[in-house]
N, C-alpha and C. Protein backbone atom coordinates (compact mmCIF):
# COMPACT_ATOMS: atom_id res chain seq x y z
N MET A 1 0.82 -1.18 0.00
CA MET A 1 0.00 0.00 0.00
C MET A 1 0.88 1.26 0.00
N ILE A 2 1.94 1.27 0.77
CA ILE A 2 2.82 2.44 0.82
C ILE A 2 3.46 2.68 -0.54
N SER A 3 3.96 1.63 -1.16
CA SER A 3 4.61 1.77 -2.47
C SER A 3 3.63 2.29 -3.53
N GLY A 4 2.39 1.89 -3.46
CA GLY A 4 1.40 2.32 -4.43
C GLY A 4 0.95 3.76 -4.22
N ALA A 5 0.72 4.15 -2.98
CA ALA A 5 0.23 5.49 -2.67
C ALA A 5 1.35 6.53 -2.60
N ARG A 6 2.55 6.11 -2.26
CA ARG A 6 3.71 6.99 -2.12
C ARG A 6 3.42 8.26 -1.32
N PRO A 7 2.94 8.10 -0.07
CA PRO A 7 2.66 9.29 0.74
C PRO A 7 3.95 10.05 1.04
N GLU A 8 3.82 11.34 1.34
CA GLU A 8 4.99 12.16 1.64
C GLU A 8 5.68 11.68 2.92
N TYR A 9 4.88 11.28 3.91
CA TYR A 9 5.41 10.82 5.20
C TYR A 9 4.76 9.50 5.56
N VAL A 10 5.52 8.67 6.29
CA VAL A 10 5.02 7.39 6.77
C VAL A 10 5.42 7.29 8.25
N MET A 11 4.48 6.86 9.08
CA MET A 11 4.79 6.60 10.49
C MET A 11 4.60 5.11 10.72
N VAL A 12 5.65 4.46 11.19
CA VAL A 12 5.65 3.01 11.38
C VAL A 12 5.79 2.70 12.86
N VAL A 13 4.96 1.81 13.36
CA VAL A 13 5.11 1.32 14.73
C VAL A 13 6.39 0.50 14.77
N ALA A 14 7.26 0.80 15.71
CA ALA A 14 8.53 0.08 15.83
C ALA A 14 8.29 -1.26 16.52
N GLU A 15 7.64 -2.13 15.79
CA GLU A 15 7.35 -3.49 16.24
C GLU A 15 7.98 -4.41 15.19
N ARG A 16 8.64 -5.45 15.61
CA ARG A 16 9.49 -6.25 14.74
C ARG A 16 8.82 -6.67 13.43
N ALA A 17 7.62 -7.24 13.47
CA ALA A 17 6.97 -7.72 12.24
C ALA A 17 6.70 -6.58 11.27
N ARG A 18 6.26 -5.43 11.78
CA ARG A 18 6.00 -4.28 10.91
C ARG A 18 7.29 -3.74 10.32
N MET A 19 8.32 -3.64 11.14
CA MET A 19 9.60 -3.11 10.68
C MET A 19 10.24 -4.06 9.66
N GLU A 20 10.12 -5.36 9.87
CA GLU A 20 10.67 -6.33 8.91
C GLU A 20 10.06 -6.12 7.53
N HIS A 21 8.76 -5.92 7.50
CA HIS A 21 8.07 -5.71 6.22
C HIS A 21 8.51 -4.40 5.58
N PHE A 22 8.57 -3.34 6.37
CA PHE A 22 8.94 -2.02 5.84
C PHE A 22 10.39 -1.99 5.36
N LEU A 23 11.28 -2.67 6.07
CA LEU A 23 12.71 -2.65 5.75
C LEU A 23 13.15 -3.71 4.75
N ALA A 24 12.25 -4.61 4.35
CA ALA A 24 12.60 -5.71 3.45
C ALA A 24 13.26 -5.19 2.17
N ALA A 25 14.18 -5.99 1.64
CA ALA A 25 14.87 -5.63 0.40
C ALA A 25 13.85 -5.33 -0.69
N GLY A 26 14.01 -4.19 -1.34
CA GLY A 26 13.08 -3.81 -2.40
C GLY A 26 11.75 -3.27 -1.88
N GLY A 27 11.63 -3.17 -0.55
CA GLY A 27 10.39 -2.69 0.06
C GLY A 27 10.31 -1.17 0.07
N PRO A 28 9.29 -0.65 0.72
CA PRO A 28 9.06 0.80 0.70
C PRO A 28 10.17 1.63 1.35
N ARG A 29 10.97 1.05 2.21
CA ARG A 29 12.03 1.81 2.89
C ARG A 29 12.99 2.46 1.90
N THR A 30 13.15 1.86 0.72
CA THR A 30 14.09 2.42 -0.27
C THR A 30 13.67 3.80 -0.74
N MET A 31 12.40 4.17 -0.55
CA MET A 31 11.90 5.48 -0.99
C MET A 31 11.86 6.50 0.13
N TYR A 32 12.24 6.11 1.35
CA TYR A 32 12.06 6.98 2.52
C TYR A 32 13.33 7.08 3.37
N GLU A 33 13.44 8.23 4.07
CA GLU A 33 14.53 8.44 5.03
C GLU A 33 13.92 8.70 6.40
N PRO A 34 14.55 8.18 7.46
CA PRO A 34 14.00 8.41 8.80
C PRO A 34 14.26 9.85 9.24
N ILE A 35 13.26 10.45 9.88
CA ILE A 35 13.43 11.83 10.33
C ILE A 35 13.13 12.04 11.81
N ALA A 36 12.39 11.12 12.44
CA ALA A 36 12.06 11.29 13.86
C ALA A 36 11.65 9.96 14.47
N ARG A 37 11.80 9.92 15.78
CA ARG A 37 11.35 8.74 16.52
C ARG A 37 10.67 9.21 17.80
N PHE A 38 9.53 8.62 18.08
CA PHE A 38 8.78 8.94 19.28
C PHE A 38 8.63 7.64 20.07
N SER A 39 9.35 7.54 21.18
CA SER A 39 9.39 6.31 21.95
C SER A 39 9.13 6.58 23.42
N VAL A 40 8.20 5.85 23.98
CA VAL A 40 7.90 5.99 25.40
C VAL A 40 9.12 5.63 26.26
N ASP A 41 10.01 4.79 25.73
CA ASP A 41 11.22 4.40 26.46
C ASP A 41 12.38 5.36 26.25
N GLY A 42 12.19 6.37 25.40
CA GLY A 42 13.25 7.34 25.15
C GLY A 42 14.24 6.92 24.07
N ALA A 43 13.96 5.87 23.32
CA ALA A 43 14.86 5.42 22.25
C ALA A 43 14.95 6.51 21.18
N THR A 44 16.15 6.71 20.65
CA THR A 44 16.34 7.77 19.66
C THR A 44 16.95 7.27 18.36
N ASP A 45 17.37 6.02 18.28
CA ASP A 45 18.01 5.48 17.09
C ASP A 45 17.02 5.46 15.93
N LEU A 46 17.35 6.16 14.86
CA LEU A 46 16.46 6.22 13.70
C LEU A 46 16.63 5.02 12.77
N GLU A 47 17.66 4.23 12.98
CA GLU A 47 17.91 3.02 12.18
C GLU A 47 18.08 1.84 13.14
N PRO A 48 17.05 1.49 13.88
CA PRO A 48 17.20 0.44 14.89
C PRO A 48 17.46 -0.94 14.29
N ASP A 49 18.29 -1.70 14.97
CA ASP A 49 18.55 -3.09 14.60
C ASP A 49 17.29 -3.89 14.95
N LEU A 50 16.83 -4.72 14.04
CA LEU A 50 15.60 -5.48 14.28
C LEU A 50 15.68 -6.35 15.53
N ASP A 51 16.88 -6.76 15.92
CA ASP A 51 17.04 -7.57 17.14
C ASP A 51 16.71 -6.75 18.39
N HIS A 52 16.74 -5.42 18.26
CA HIS A 52 16.47 -4.55 19.41
C HIS A 52 15.11 -3.87 19.32
N VAL A 53 14.29 -4.31 18.38
CA VAL A 53 12.93 -3.78 18.24
C VAL A 53 11.98 -4.78 18.90
N SER A 54 11.01 -4.27 19.61
CA SER A 54 10.07 -5.13 20.34
C SER A 54 9.32 -6.08 19.41
N PRO A 55 9.12 -7.33 19.83
CA PRO A 55 8.34 -8.27 19.03
C PRO A 55 6.83 -8.01 19.17
N THR A 56 6.44 -7.18 20.11
CA THR A 56 5.03 -6.85 20.32
C THR A 56 4.84 -5.33 20.27
N TRP A 57 3.59 -4.91 20.16
CA TRP A 57 3.29 -3.48 20.06
C TRP A 57 3.74 -2.74 21.31
N VAL A 58 4.39 -1.61 21.11
CA VAL A 58 4.76 -0.69 22.18
C VAL A 58 4.57 0.73 21.64
N GLN A 59 4.57 1.70 22.51
CA GLN A 59 4.46 3.09 22.05
C GLN A 59 5.84 3.55 21.58
N ASP A 60 6.16 3.19 20.37
CA ASP A 60 7.45 3.51 19.76
C ASP A 60 7.19 3.63 18.26
N TYR A 61 7.41 4.81 17.73
CA TYR A 61 7.06 5.09 16.33
C TYR A 61 8.23 5.74 15.62
N LEU A 62 8.43 5.36 14.37
CA LEU A 62 9.44 5.98 13.51
C LEU A 62 8.72 6.71 12.38
N VAL A 63 9.17 7.92 12.11
CA VAL A 63 8.58 8.73 11.03
C VAL A 63 9.58 8.84 9.90
N TYR A 64 9.11 8.61 8.70
CA TYR A 64 9.95 8.65 7.49
C TYR A 64 9.38 9.68 6.51
N ARG A 65 10.30 10.33 5.78
CA ARG A 65 9.92 11.30 4.74
C ARG A 65 10.38 10.74 3.40
N ARG A 66 9.54 10.90 2.38
CA ARG A 66 9.90 10.43 1.05
C ARG A 66 11.16 11.15 0.59
N ILE A 67 12.10 10.43 0.04
CA ILE A 67 13.41 10.96 -0.33
C ILE A 67 13.33 11.98 -1.46
N ASP A 68 12.43 11.82 -2.38
CA ASP A 68 12.41 12.68 -3.57
C ASP A 68 11.68 14.01 -3.36
N LEU A 69 11.41 14.39 -2.14
CA LEU A 69 10.72 15.67 -1.89
C LEU A 69 11.70 16.83 -1.82
């Protein structure tokens, strides 16, 4: 859906399954750059390692901006 609609901004829940899909090779991440993170735990890494992303939903969000803007 993201690749088809190409929104200017995307906000992704930093949950492992969602991040795996977004970061997959050839996936929508290739069109976006990280610009902000909002985490209840205070995490600030804009390029988190999937091993350090929660396997379940938490209040942790990454915001991406389309690169070609």
